[in-house]
């Protein structure tokens, strides 16, 4: 920075003087206005780089009434699904020209959701995406008066807010139908926690596929998404001689199931076929590599931001529900029934 500015941070007037243009021209360049000649735009950008100018977003927000910042509320970013969803939302927001402010909550009650929304509103965010995979979170969101455009991810049916979600029911059907197509008489299920909408959808898809095939649905074994809970379920399944196919509600629990089967001498897929859900990066390196259902978290993030931006920039107030289809990923943890 030149000595003429001393320790003072450069302002837009300094950029204009350095580039030999008006204050309004600098503003047009910063806001990507089309009516600026390329050589002028280059000169302004060189002045910005030389002086180290940074935009005053607070001042800009006061003028435009928009902060170009979106709030994101999530509830358990230690799990692969919520963490990947938040990452997809953040990347999509940046691509759309928005900054992101993230709040991660431990409590999933109405008070916790209200506190998060109030905190983000106080920051002046233009809109909010709430990752609401649990029924209690979706209900808390539906009961709150929302003065800011809001989109819920995995938030149940579109009602108070728009919803973007993966078709969990279709994913459960894909997994179950694959196992039935291999000649298995029925398919056992290790489910996720009962309060999770994703777990509900996967159970519903599993049941629907079995019912359509005229097969009886065994009692699900309840897990909590962790490998340990999958391991405990796997030990129970390994003791049953009539189990030949298992659909596990996420890949981490499937890892635990595979470990329990290995310890009990149950070979996969020779004796029991196993399908997971999520397609986490490690699943292709499980022993054996895991057949699973992939969720497109990038698409979820992209659609969430698209829905929110439509509300922000187009005055679009209709409540939407966008559903992202899952994808079947075949590996070697499943095989025809012997």
C-alpha atoms as a PDB file:
ATOM      1  CA  UNK A   1       0.000   0.000   0.000  1.00  0.00           C
ATOM      2  CA  UNK A   2       1.328   3.431  -0.863  1.00  0.00           C
ATOM      3  CA  UNK A   3       2.568   5.746   1.893  1.00  0.00           C
ATOM      4  CA  UNK A   4      -0.057   8.352   0.962  1.00  0.00           C
ATOM      5  CA  UNK A   5      -2.667   6.165   2.636  1.00  0.00           C
ATOM      6  CA  UNK A   6      -0.576   5.525   5.743  1.00  0.00           C
ATOM      7  CA  UNK A   7      -2.197   2.956   7.979  1.00  0.00           C
ATOM      8  CA  UNK A   8      -5.730   3.804   6.809  1.00  0.00           C
ATOM      9  CA  UNK A   9      -7.529   1.024   4.964  1.00  0.00           C
ATOM     10  CA  UNK A  10      -8.194   1.914   1.312  1.00  0.00           C
ATOM     11  CA  UNK A  11     -11.717   2.950   0.394  1.00  0.00           C
ATOM     12  CA  UNK A  12     -13.566   3.063  -2.913  1.00  0.00           C
ATOM     13  CA  UNK A  13     -12.490   6.668  -3.537  1.00  0.00           C
ATOM     14  CA  UNK A  14      -8.839   5.573  -3.350  1.00  0.00           C
ATOM     15  CA  UNK A  15      -9.485   2.901  -5.973  1.00  0.00           C
ATOM     16  CA  UNK A  16     -11.215   5.436  -8.216  1.00  0.00           C
ATOM     17  CA  UNK A  17      -8.297   7.862  -7.920  1.00  0.00           C
ATOM     18  CA  UNK A  18      -5.707   5.154  -8.604  1.00  0.00           C
ATOM     19  CA  UNK A  19      -7.601   3.890 -11.661  1.00  0.00           C
ATOM     20  CA  UNK A  20      -8.472   7.360 -12.930  1.00  0.00           C
ATOM     21  CA  UNK A  21     -12.212   6.685 -12.995  1.00  0.00           C
ATOM     22  CA  UNK A  22     -15.282   7.822 -11.108  1.00  0.00           C
ATOM     23  CA  UNK A  23     -16.581   6.398  -7.848  1.00  0.00           C
ATOM     24  CA  UNK A  24     -19.643   5.139  -9.750  1.00  0.00           C
ATOM     25  CA  UNK A  25     -17.471   3.224 -12.215  1.00  0.00           C
ATOM     26  CA  UNK A  26     -15.689   1.405  -9.389  1.00  0.00           C
ATOM     27  CA  UNK A  27     -19.089   0.523  -7.930  1.00  0.00           C
ATOM     28  CA  UNK A  28     -20.249  -0.863 -11.279  1.00  0.00           C
ATOM     29  CA  UNK A  29     -17.140  -3.038 -11.542  1.00  0.00           C
ATOM     30  CA  UNK A  30     -17.609  -4.381  -8.009  1.00  0.00           C
ATOM     31  CA  UNK A  31     -21.230  -5.246  -8.760  1.00  0.00           C
ATOM     32  CA  UNK A  32     -20.435  -6.873 -12.136  1.00  0.00           C
ATOM     33  CA  UNK A  33     -22.427  -4.284 -14.059  1.00  0.00           C
ATOM     34  CA  UNK A  34     -22.382  -5.163 -17.779  1.00  0.00           C
ATOM     35  CA  UNK A  35     -21.999  -1.571 -19.016  1.00  0.00           C
ATOM     36  CA  UNK A  36     -18.291  -1.283 -18.242  1.00  0.00           C
ATOM     37  CA  UNK A  37     -15.619  -1.521 -20.933  1.00  0.00           C
ATOM     38  CA  UNK A  38     -13.199  -4.408 -20.511  1.00  0.00           C
ATOM     39  CA  UNK A  39     -10.130  -2.154 -20.384  1.00  0.00           C
ATOM     40  CA  UNK A  40     -11.772  -0.008 -17.682  1.00  0.00           C
ATOM     41  CA  UNK A  41     -12.716  -3.101 -15.699  1.00  0.00           C
ATOM     42  CA  UNK A  42      -9.117  -4.338 -15.927  1.00  0.00           C
ATOM     43  CA  UNK A  43      -7.737  -0.981 -14.763  1.00  0.00           C
ATOM     44  CA  UNK A  44     -10.079  -0.890 -11.773  1.00  0.00           C
ATOM     45  CA  UNK A  45      -9.223  -4.482 -10.824  1.00  0.00           C
ATOM     46  CA  UNK A  46      -5.497  -3.675 -11.008  1.00  0.00           C
ATOM     47  CA  UNK A  47      -6.043  -0.695  -8.691  1.00  0.00           C
ATOM     48  CA  UNK A  48      -7.990  -2.917  -6.269  1.00  0.00           C
ATOM     49  CA  UNK A  49      -5.154  -5.453  -6.227  1.00  0.00           C
ATOM     50  CA  UNK A  50      -2.468  -2.791  -5.840  1.00  0.00           C
ATOM     51  CA  UNK A  51      -4.161  -1.028  -2.943  1.00  0.00           C
ATOM     52  CA  UNK A  52      -5.451  -4.200  -1.255  1.00  0.00           C
ATOM     53  CA  UNK A  53      -8.986  -2.840  -1.245  1.00  0.00           C
ATOM     54  CA  UNK A  54     -11.672  -4.955   0.452  1.00  0.00           C
ATOM     55  CA  UNK A  55     -15.382  -4.297   0.136  1.00  0.00           C
ATOM     56  CA  UNK A  56     -17.191  -3.033   3.218  1.00  0.00           C
ATOM     57  CA  UNK A  57     -20.019  -5.556   3.268  1.00  0.00           C
ATOM     58  CA  UNK A  58     -21.737  -3.933   6.231  1.00  0.00           C
ATOM     59  CA  UNK A  59     -21.913  -0.584   4.452  1.00  0.00           C
ATOM     60  CA  UNK A  60     -23.071  -2.318   1.287  1.00  0.00           C
ATOM     61  CA  UNK A  61     -25.833  -4.086   3.178  1.00  0.00           C
ATOM     62  CA  UNK A  62     -27.051  -0.780   4.622  1.00  0.00           C
ATOM     63  CA  UNK A  63     -27.346   0.645   1.109  1.00  0.00           C
ATOM     64  CA  UNK A  64     -28.786  -2.374  -0.710  1.00  0.00           C
ATOM     65  CA  UNK A  65     -30.785  -3.825   2.218  1.00  0.00           C
ATOM     66  CA  UNK A  66     -29.187  -7.186   1.354  1.00  0.00           C
ATOM     67  CA  UNK A  67     -26.228  -8.771   3.145  1.00  0.00           C
ATOM     68  CA  UNK A  68     -25.586 -11.456   0.489  1.00  0.00           C
ATOM     69  CA  UNK A  69     -25.338 -13.813   3.471  1.00  0.00           C
ATOM     70  CA  UNK A  70     -27.405 -16.953   4.051  1.00  0.00           C
ATOM     71  CA  UNK A  71     -27.826 -18.689   7.375  1.00  0.00           C
ATOM     72  CA  UNK A  72     -27.579 -22.478   7.740  1.00  0.00           C
ATOM     73  CA  UNK A  73     -28.895 -24.346  10.795  1.00  0.00           C
ATOM     74  CA  UNK A  74     -27.818 -27.958  11.299  1.00  0.00           C
ATOM     75  CA  UNK A  75     -28.187 -30.427  14.136  1.00  0.00           C
ATOM     76  CA  UNK A  76     -25.466 -33.087  14.026  1.00  0.00           C
ATOM     77  CA  UNK A  77     -22.595 -32.400  11.667  1.00  0.00           C
ATOM     78  CA  UNK A  78     -20.619 -35.321  13.123  1.00  0.00           C
ATOM     79  CA  UNK A  79     -22.705 -37.643  10.935  1.00  0.00           C
ATOM     80  CA  UNK A  80     -21.845 -38.091   7.256  1.00  0.00           C
ATOM     81  CA  UNK A  81     -25.279 -37.159   5.902  1.00  0.00           C
ATOM     82  CA  UNK A  82     -25.789 -33.826   7.716  1.00  0.00           C
ATOM     83  CA  UNK A  83     -22.119 -32.870   7.268  1.00  0.00           C
ATOM     84  CA  UNK A  84     -22.229 -33.585   3.530  1.00  0.00           C
ATOM     85  CA  UNK A  85     -25.525 -31.721   3.212  1.00  0.00           C
ATOM     86  CA  UNK A  86     -24.103 -28.613   4.904  1.00  0.00           C
ATOM     87  CA  UNK A  87     -21.018 -28.776   2.681  1.00  0.00           C
ATOM     88  CA  UNK A  88     -23.193 -29.029  -0.439  1.00  0.00           C
ATOM     89  CA  UNK A  89     -25.282 -26.050   0.682  1.00  0.00           C
ATOM     90  CA  UNK A  90     -22.191 -23.966   1.417  1.00  0.00           C
ATOM     91  CA  UNK A  91     -20.637 -24.685  -1.990  1.00  0.00           C
ATOM     92  CA  UNK A  92     -23.894 -23.909  -3.818  1.00  0.00           C
ATOM     93  CA  UNK A  93     -24.355 -20.663  -1.882  1.00  0.00           C
ATOM     94  CA  UNK A  94     -20.859 -19.476  -2.759  1.00  0.00           C
ATOM     95  CA  UNK A  95     -21.424 -20.329  -6.405  1.00  0.00           C
ATOM     96  CA  UNK A  96     -24.570 -18.186  -6.289  1.00  0.00           C
ATOM     97  CA  UNK A  97     -22.611 -15.277  -4.813  1.00  0.00           C
ATOM     98  CA  UNK A  98     -23.646 -15.614  -1.168  1.00  0.00           C
ATOM     99  CA  UNK A  99     -21.653 -15.908   2.033  1.00  0.00           C
ATOM    100  CA  UNK A 100     -22.729 -18.505   4.616  1.00  0.00           C
ATOM    101  CA  UNK A 101     -23.130 -18.312   8.384  1.00  0.00           C
ATOM    102  CA  UNK A 102     -23.550 -21.739  10.028  1.00  0.00           C
ATOM    103  CA  UNK A 103     -25.134 -22.557  13.383  1.00  0.00           C
ATOM    104  CA  UNK A 104     -24.863 -26.146  14.653  1.00  0.00           C
ATOM    105  CA  UNK A 105     -27.248 -27.083  17.463  1.00  0.00           C
ATOM    106  CA  UNK A 106     -27.265 -29.882  20.010  1.00  0.00           C
ATOM    107  CA  UNK A 107     -30.876 -29.445  21.150  1.00  0.00           C
ATOM    108  CA  UNK A 108     -33.614 -30.148  18.626  1.00  0.00           C
ATOM    109  CA  UNK A 109     -36.554 -28.534  20.397  1.00  0.00           C
ATOM    110  CA  UNK A 110     -38.544 -25.468  19.488  1.00  0.00           C
ATOM    111  CA  UNK A 111     -36.484 -23.237  21.793  1.00  0.00           C
ATOM    112  CA  UNK A 112     -33.222 -24.349  20.179  1.00  0.00           C
ATOM    113  CA  UNK A 113     -34.533 -23.751  16.668  1.00  0.00           C
ATOM    114  CA  UNK A 114     -35.953 -20.348  17.656  1.00  0.00           C
ATOM    115  CA  UNK A 115     -32.638 -19.297  19.215  1.00  0.00           C
ATOM    116  CA  UNK A 116     -30.748 -20.267  16.060  1.00  0.00           C
ATOM    117  CA  UNK A 117     -33.170 -18.405  13.784  1.00  0.00           C
ATOM    118  CA  UNK A 118     -33.103 -15.320  16.039  1.00  0.00           C
ATOM    119  CA  UNK A 119     -29.297 -15.375  16.071  1.00  0.00           C
ATOM    120  CA  UNK A 120     -29.121 -15.486  12.277  1.00  0.00           C
ATOM    121  CA  UNK A 121     -31.829 -12.827  11.916  1.00  0.00           C
ATOM    122  CA  UNK A 122     -29.797 -10.543  14.179  1.00  0.00           C
ATOM    123  CA  UNK A 123     -26.860 -11.038  11.811  1.00  0.00           C
ATOM    124  CA  UNK A 124     -28.991  -9.704   8.973  1.00  0.00           C
ATOM    125  CA  UNK A 125     -28.991 -12.828   6.807  1.00  0.00           C
ATOM    126  CA  UNK A 126     -31.124 -12.658   3.678  1.00  0.00           C
ATOM    127  CA  UNK A 127     -32.454 -16.225   3.998  1.00  0.00           C
ATOM    128  CA  UNK A 128     -32.024 -19.437   5.970  1.00  0.00           C
ATOM    129  CA  UNK A 129     -31.587 -23.126   5.146  1.00  0.00           C
ATOM    130  CA  UNK A 130     -32.459 -25.482   8.004  1.00  0.00           C
ATOM    131  CA  UNK A 131     -31.128 -29.043   7.807  1.00  0.00           C
ATOM    132  CA  UNK A 132     -34.011 -30.740   9.607  1.00  0.00           C
ATOM    133  CA  UNK A 133     -33.582 -34.524   9.323  1.00  0.00           C
ATOM    134  CA  UNK A 134     -35.419 -35.258  12.568  1.00  0.00           C
ATOM    135  CA  UNK A 135     -39.184 -35.090  12.930  1.00  0.00           C
ATOM    136  CA  UNK A 136     -38.900 -32.978  16.094  1.00  0.00           C
ATOM    137  CA  UNK A 137     -36.824 -30.399  14.193  1.00  0.00           C
ATOM    138  CA  UNK A 138     -39.293 -30.263  11.312  1.00  0.00           C
ATOM    139  CA  UNK A 139     -42.204 -29.859  13.727  1.00  0.00           C
ATOM    140  CA  UNK A 140     -40.392 -27.122  15.651  1.00  0.00           C
ATOM    141  CA  UNK A 141     -39.733 -25.296  12.395  1.00  0.00           C
ATOM    142  CA  UNK A 142     -43.351 -25.615  11.270  1.00  0.00           C
ATOM    143  CA  UNK A 143     -44.605 -24.113  14.537  1.00  0.00           C
ATOM    144  CA  UNK A 144     -42.417 -20.987  14.409  1.00  0.00           C
ATOM    145  CA  UNK A 145     -43.434 -17.665  12.833  1.00  0.00           C
ATOM    146  CA  UNK A 146     -40.798 -17.104  10.148  1.00  0.00           C
ATOM    147  CA  UNK A 147     -40.156 -13.582   8.929  1.00  0.00           C
ATOM    148  CA  UNK A 148     -37.198 -14.567   6.733  1.00  0.00           C
ATOM    149  CA  UNK A 149     -37.329 -16.760   3.587  1.00  0.00           C
ATOM    150  CA  UNK A 150     -36.511 -20.284   4.766  1.00  0.00           C
ATOM    151  CA  UNK A 151     -35.949 -23.688   3.174  1.00  0.00           C
ATOM    152  CA  UNK A 152     -35.870 -26.982   5.090  1.00  0.00           C
ATOM    153  CA  UNK A 153     -33.677 -29.888   3.969  1.00  0.00           C
ATOM    154  CA  UNK A 154     -35.186 -33.331   4.711  1.00  0.00           C
ATOM    155  CA  UNK A 155     -37.957 -31.444   6.475  1.00  0.00           C
ATOM    156  CA  UNK A 156     -40.945 -33.619   5.649  1.00  0.00           C
ATOM    157  CA  UNK A 157     -43.822 -32.280   3.551  1.00  0.00           C
ATOM    158  CA  UNK A 158     -43.804 -28.707   2.257  1.00  0.00           C
ATOM    159  CA  UNK A 159     -46.000 -26.629   4.545  1.00  0.00           C
ATOM    160  CA  UNK A 160     -44.797 -23.563   6.383  1.00  0.00           C
ATOM    161  CA  UNK A 161     -41.533 -23.631   4.415  1.00  0.00           C
ATOM    162  CA  UNK A 162     -40.256 -25.112   1.169  1.00  0.00           C
ATOM    163  CA  UNK A 163     -38.545 -28.506   1.406  1.00  0.00           C
ATOM    164  CA  UNK A 164     -35.696 -30.136  -0.515  1.00  0.00           C
ATOM    165  CA  UNK A 165     -35.026 -33.799   0.223  1.00  0.00           C
ATOM    166  CA  UNK A 166     -33.682 -37.092  -1.069  1.00  0.00           C
ATOM    167  CA  UNK A 167     -36.345 -39.683  -1.897  1.00  0.00           C
ATOM    168  CA  UNK A 168     -35.601 -41.942   1.060  1.00  0.00           C
ATOM    169  CA  UNK A 169     -38.558 -44.226   0.347  1.00  0.00           C
ATOM    170  CA  UNK A 170     -37.283 -44.843  -3.181  1.00  0.00           C
ATOM    171  CA  UNK A 171     -33.851 -45.626  -1.757  1.00  0.00           C
ATOM    172  CA  UNK A 172     -35.278 -48.199   0.622  1.00  0.00           C
ATOM    173  CA  UNK A 173     -37.194 -49.784  -2.249  1.00  0.00           C
ATOM    174  CA  UNK A 174     -34.084 -49.907  -4.465  1.00  0.00           C
ATOM    175  CA  UNK A 175     -32.069 -51.696  -1.791  1.00  0.00           C
ATOM    176  CA  UNK A 176     -34.812 -54.203  -0.984  1.00  0.00           C
ATOM    177  CA  UNK A 177     -35.815 -54.911  -4.584  1.00  0.00           C
ATOM    178  CA  UNK A 178     -32.174 -55.587  -5.458  1.00  0.00           C
ATOM    179  CA  UNK A 179     -31.904 -58.208  -2.719  1.00  0.00           C
ATOM    180  CA  UNK A 180     -35.219 -59.815  -3.675  1.00  0.00           C
ATOM    181  CA  UNK A 181     -34.109 -59.948  -7.322  1.00  0.00           C
ATOM    182  CA  UNK A 182     -31.166 -62.093  -6.204  1.00  0.00           C
ATOM    183  CA  UNK A 183     -33.562 -64.789  -4.989  1.00  0.00           C
ATOM    184  CA  UNK A 184     -33.682 -64.006  -1.269  1.00  0.00           C
ATOM    185  CA  UNK A 185     -36.968 -64.965   0.346  1.00  0.00           C
ATOM    186  CA  UNK A 186     -37.096 -61.841   2.506  1.00  0.00           C
ATOM    187  CA  UNK A 187     -34.873 -58.970   3.615  1.00  0.00           C
ATOM    188  CA  UNK A 188     -34.015 -58.062   7.194  1.00  0.00           C
ATOM    189  CA  UNK A 189     -33.536 -54.410   8.116  1.00  0.00           C
ATOM    190  CA  UNK A 190     -31.291 -52.517  10.535  1.00  0.00           C
ATOM    191  CA  UNK A 191     -33.046 -49.165  10.901  1.00  0.00           C
ATOM    192  CA  UNK A 192     -31.925 -45.723  11.976  1.00  0.00           C
ATOM    193  CA  UNK A 193     -33.346 -43.839  14.986  1.00  0.00           C
ATOM    194  CA  UNK A 194     -37.134 -43.610  14.936  1.00  0.00           C
ATOM    195  CA  UNK A 195     -37.226 -39.785  15.167  1.00  0.00           C
ATOM    196  CA  UNK A 196     -35.247 -39.361  11.924  1.00  0.00           C
ATOM    197  CA  UNK A 197     -37.335 -38.693   8.816  1.00  0.00           C
ATOM    198  CA  UNK A 198     -34.647 -40.391   6.706  1.00  0.00           C
ATOM    199  CA  UNK A 199     -34.934 -43.552   8.803  1.00  0.00           C
ATOM    200  CA  UNK A 200     -38.732 -43.476   8.483  1.00  0.00           C
ATOM    201  CA  UNK A 201     -38.532 -43.160   4.717  1.00  0.00           C
ATOM    202  CA  UNK A 202     -36.056 -46.025   4.356  1.00  0.00           C
ATOM    203  CA  UNK A 203     -38.197 -48.294   6.535  1.00  0.00           C
ATOM    204  CA  UNK A 204     -41.280 -47.368   4.495  1.00  0.00           C
ATOM    205  CA  UNK A 205     -39.494 -48.183   1.225  1.00  0.00           C
ATOM    206  CA  UNK A 206     -38.261 -51.518   2.613  1.00  0.00           C
ATOM    207  CA  UNK A 207     -41.773 -52.483   3.763  1.00  0.00           C
ATOM    208  CA  UNK A 208     -43.376 -51.379   0.492  1.00  0.00           C
ATOM    209  CA  UNK A 209     -40.983 -53.488  -1.589  1.00  0.00           C
ATOM    210  CA  UNK A 210     -41.604 -56.569   0.561  1.00  0.00           C
ATOM    211  CA  UNK A 211     -45.363 -56.085   0.514  1.00  0.00           C
ATOM    212  CA  UNK A 212     -45.399 -55.664  -3.261  1.00  0.00           C
ATOM    213  CA  UNK A 213     -43.453 -58.924  -3.586  1.00  0.00           C
ATOM    214  CA  UNK A 214     -45.849 -60.681  -1.209  1.00  0.00           C
ATOM    215  CA  UNK A 215     -43.135 -61.241   1.407  1.00  0.00           C
ATOM    216  CA  UNK A 216     -43.410 -60.902   5.147  1.00  0.00           C
ATOM    217  CA  UNK A 217     -41.373 -58.078   6.714  1.00  0.00           C
ATOM    218  CA  UNK A 218     -39.278 -59.260   9.680  1.00  0.00           C
ATOM    219  CA  UNK A 219     -39.132 -57.056  12.760  1.00  0.00           C
ATOM    220  CA  UNK A 220     -36.503 -54.321  12.174  1.00  0.00           C
ATOM    221  CA  UNK A 221     -33.459 -54.119  14.425  1.00  0.00           C
ATOM    222  CA  UNK A 222     -33.094 -50.541  15.676  1.00  0.00           C
ATOM    223  CA  UNK A 223     -29.757 -48.745  15.421  1.00  0.00           C
ATOM    224  CA  UNK A 224     -28.536 -45.218  16.072  1.00  0.00           C
ATOM    225  CA  UNK A 225     -26.451 -44.665  12.885  1.00  0.00           C
ATOM    226  CA  UNK A 226     -23.217 -45.719  14.633  1.00  0.00           C
ATOM    227  CA  UNK A 227     -20.983 -48.684  13.660  1.00  0.00           C
ATOM    228  CA  UNK A 228     -21.351 -49.977  17.223  1.00  0.00           C
ATOM    229  CA  UNK A 229     -25.135 -50.237  16.931  1.00  0.00           C
ATOM    230  CA  UNK A 230     -24.676 -52.007  13.589  1.00  0.00           C
ATOM    231  CA  UNK A 231     -22.232 -54.396  15.244  1.00  0.00           C
ATOM    232  CA  UNK A 232     -24.768 -55.260  17.950  1.00  0.00           C
ATOM    233  CA  UNK A 233     -27.477 -55.815  15.338  1.00  0.00           C
ATOM    234  CA  UNK A 234     -25.056 -57.915  13.288  1.00  0.00           C
ATOM    235  CA  UNK A 235     -24.364 -60.193  16.242  1.00  0.00           C
ATOM    236  CA  UNK A 236     -28.092 -60.824  16.617  1.00  0.00           C
ATOM    237  CA  UNK A 237     -28.515 -61.463  12.885  1.00  0.00           C
ATOM    238  CA  UNK A 238     -25.525 -63.808  12.775  1.00  0.00           C
ATOM    239  CA  UNK A 239     -27.228 -66.088  15.287  1.00  0.00           C
ATOM    240  CA  UNK A 240     -30.244 -66.562  13.008  1.00  0.00           C
ATOM    241  CA  UNK A 241     -29.857 -69.317  10.423  1.00  0.00           C
ATOM    242  CA  UNK A 242     -32.714 -67.996   8.250  1.00  0.00           C
ATOM    243  CA  UNK A 243     -31.103 -64.599   7.545  1.00  0.00           C
ATOM    244  CA  UNK A 244     -29.731 -64.385   3.983  1.00  0.00           C
ATOM    245  CA  UNK A 245     -30.194 -60.685   3.104  1.00  0.00           C
ATOM    246  CA  UNK A 246     -29.897 -57.481   5.150  1.00  0.00           C
ATOM    247  CA  UNK A 247     -30.615 -53.866   4.226  1.00  0.00           C
ATOM    248  CA  UNK A 248     -28.812 -51.532   6.646  1.00  0.00           C
ATOM    249  CA  UNK A 249     -30.034 -47.935   6.904  1.00  0.00           C
ATOM    250  CA  UNK A 250     -26.567 -46.361   6.617  1.00  0.00           C
ATOM    251  CA  UNK A 251     -23.056 -47.409   5.670  1.00  0.00           C
ATOM    252  CA  UNK A 252     -21.561 -46.839   9.130  1.00  0.00           C
ATOM    253  CA  UNK A 253     -23.968 -49.344  10.675  1.00  0.00           C
ATOM    254  CA  UNK A 254     -23.292 -51.683   7.757  1.00  0.00           C
ATOM    255  CA  UNK A 255     -19.607 -51.567   8.687  1.00  0.00           C
ATOM    256  CA  UNK A 256     -20.532 -52.804  12.157  1.00  0.00           C
ATOM    257  CA  UNK A 257     -22.739 -55.533  10.696  1.00  0.00           C
ATOM    258  CA  UNK A 258     -19.889 -56.749   8.479  1.00  0.00           C
ATOM    259  CA  UNK A 259     -17.510 -56.833  11.454  1.00  0.00           C
ATOM    260  CA  UNK A 260     -19.963 -58.882  13.513  1.00  0.00           C
ATOM    261  CA  UNK A 261     -20.525 -61.302  10.622  1.00  0.00           C
ATOM    262  CA  UNK A 262     -16.769 -61.771  10.171  1.00  0.00           C
ATOM    263  CA  UNK A 263     -16.309 -62.548  13.856  1.00  0.00           C
ATOM    264  CA  UNK A 264     -19.148 -65.080  13.786  1.00  0.00           C
ATOM    265  CA  UNK A 265     -17.906 -66.778  10.621  1.00  0.00           C
ATOM    266  CA  UNK A 266     -20.809 -65.550   8.483  1.00  0.00           C
ATOM    267  CA  UNK A 267     -19.410 -64.988   4.992  1.00  0.00           C
ATOM    268  CA  UNK A 268     -20.599 -62.015   2.915  1.00  0.00           C
ATOM    269  CA  UNK A 269     -22.011 -62.380   0.304  1.00  0.00           C
ATOM    270  CA  UNK A 270     -21.771 -66.198   0.187  1.00  0.00           C
ATOM    271  CA  UNK A 271     -24.162 -66.717   3.097  1.00  0.00           C
ATOM    272  CA  UNK A 272     -25.654 -63.240   3.666  1.00  0.00           C
ATOM    273  CA  UNK A 273     -25.933 -60.317   1.254  1.00  0.00           C
ATOM    274  CA  UNK A 274     -25.686 -56.799   2.709  1.00  0.00           C
ATOM    275  CA  UNK A 275     -26.769 -53.417   1.296  1.00  0.00           C
ATOM    276  CA  UNK A 276     -26.002 -50.075   2.982  1.00  0.00           C
ATOM    277  CA  UNK A 277     -27.135 -46.503   2.411  1.00  0.00           C
ATOM    278  CA  UNK A 278     -25.257 -43.198   1.731  1.00  0.00           C
ATOM    279  CA  UNK A 279     -22.228 -44.387  -0.274  1.00  0.00           C
ATOM    280  CA  UNK A 280     -19.717 -42.829   2.104  1.00  0.00           C
ATOM    281  CA  UNK A 281     -16.194 -42.528   0.618  1.00  0.00           C
ATOM    282  CA  UNK A 282     -14.969 -45.524   2.636  1.00  0.00           C
ATOM    283  CA  UNK A 283     -17.722 -47.920   1.575  1.00  0.00           C
ATOM    284  CA  UNK A 284     -15.915 -49.147  -1.555  1.00  0.00           C
ATOM    285  CA  UNK A 285     -12.997 -50.154   0.697  1.00  0.00           C
ATOM    286  CA  UNK A 286     -15.045 -52.184   3.186  1.00  0.00           C
ATOM    287  CA  UNK A 287     -14.398 -55.920   3.280  1.00  0.00           C
ATOM    288  CA  UNK A 288     -16.147 -56.789   1.062  1.00  0.00           C
ATOM    289  CA  UNK A 289     -16.795 -53.518  -0.841  1.00  0.00           C
ATOM    290  CA  UNK A 290     -20.315 -52.442   0.060  1.00  0.00           C
ATOM    291  CA  UNK A 291     -23.311 -52.370  -2.263  1.00  0.00           C
ATOM    292  CA  UNK A 292     -25.185 -49.236  -1.231  1.00  0.00           C
ATOM    293  CA  UNK A 293     -27.568 -46.402  -2.110  1.00  0.00           C
ATOM    294  CA  UNK A 294     -25.979 -43.069  -2.997  1.00  0.00           C
ATOM    295  CA  UNK A 295     -27.435 -39.721  -1.969  1.00  0.00           C
ATOM    296  CA  UNK A 296     -26.531 -36.731  -4.165  1.00  0.00           C
ATOM    297  CA  UNK A 297     -25.715 -34.147  -1.494  1.00  0.00           C
ATOM    298  CA  UNK A 298     -24.388 -31.686  -4.080  1.00  0.00           C
ATOM    299  CA  UNK A 299     -27.785 -31.716  -5.791  1.00  0.00           C
ATOM    300  CA  UNK A 300     -29.541 -31.252  -2.445  1.00  0.00           C
ATOM    301  CA  UNK A 301     -27.366 -28.230  -1.690  1.00  0.00           C
ATOM    302  CA  UNK A 302     -27.809 -26.782  -5.169  1.00  0.00           C
ATOM    303  CA  UNK A 303     -31.592 -27.149  -5.164  1.00  0.00           C
ATOM    304  CA  UNK A 304     -31.860 -25.735  -1.624  1.00  0.00           C
ATOM    305  CA  UNK A 305     -30.062 -22.569  -2.662  1.00  0.00           C
ATOM    306  CA  UNK A 306     -31.998 -22.340  -5.934  1.00  0.00           C
ATOM    307  CA  UNK A 307     -35.317 -22.485  -4.072  1.00  0.00           C
ATOM    308  CA  UNK A 308     -34.144 -19.901  -1.535  1.00  0.00           C
ATOM    309  CA  UNK A 309     -32.755 -17.540  -4.181  1.00  0.00           C
ATOM    310  CA  UNK A 310     -36.049 -17.739  -6.098  1.00  0.00           C
ATOM    311  CA  UNK A 311     -37.778 -16.472  -2.976  1.00  0.00           C
ATOM    312  CA  UNK A 312     -35.174 -13.779  -2.376  1.00  0.00           C
ATOM    313  CA  UNK A 313     -34.696 -12.427  -5.864  1.00  0.00           C
ATOM    314  CA  UNK A 314     -37.940 -13.202  -7.590  1.00  0.00           C
ATOM    315  CA  UNK A 315     -40.522 -12.670  -4.887  1.00  0.00           C
ATOM    316  CA  UNK A 316     -41.468 -16.338  -5.289  1.00  0.00           C
ATOM    317  CA  UNK A 317     -43.617 -17.223  -2.294  1.00  0.00           C
ATOM    318  CA  UNK A 318     -45.077 -20.610  -3.288  1.00  0.00           C
ATOM    319  CA  UNK A 319     -44.036 -23.449  -1.024  1.00  0.00           C
ATOM    320  CA  UNK A 320     -42.073 -26.022  -2.996  1.00  0.00           C
ATOM    321  CA  UNK A 321     -41.011 -29.610  -2.403  1.00  0.00           C
ATOM    322  CA  UNK A 322     -38.107 -30.764  -4.549  1.00  0.00           C
ATOM    323  CA  UNK A 323     -37.157 -34.436  -4.355  1.00  0.00           C
ATOM    324  CA  UNK A 324     -33.699 -35.677  -5.361  1.00  0.00           C
ATOM    325  CA  UNK A 325     -33.627 -39.325  -6.548  1.00  0.00           C
ATOM    326  CA  UNK A 326     -31.107 -41.736  -4.984  1.00  0.00           C
ATOM    327  CA  UNK A 327     -28.805 -43.980  -7.021  1.00  0.00           C
ATOM    328  CA  UNK A 328     -28.108 -47.695  -6.636  1.00  0.00           C
ATOM    329  CA  UNK A 329     -24.376 -48.552  -6.415  1.00  0.00           C
ATOM    330  CA  UNK A 330     -23.560 -52.235  -7.036  1.00  0.00           C
ATOM    331  CA  UNK A 331     -20.450 -53.706  -5.444  1.00  0.00           C
ATOM    332  CA  UNK A 332     -19.654 -57.179  -4.126  1.00  0.00           C
ATOM    333  CA  UNK A 333     -21.409 -57.432  -0.770  1.00  0.00           C
ATOM    334  CA  UNK A 334     -24.479 -58.876  -2.527  1.00  0.00           C
ATOM    335  CA  UNK A 335     -24.858 -62.063  -4.578  1.00  0.00           C
ATOM    336  CA  UNK A 336     -27.563 -64.501  -5.706  1.00  0.00           C
ATOM    337  CA  UNK A 337     -28.852 -66.691  -2.907  1.00  0.00           C
ATOM    338  CA  UNK A 338     -26.875 -69.891  -2.791  1.00  0.00           C
END
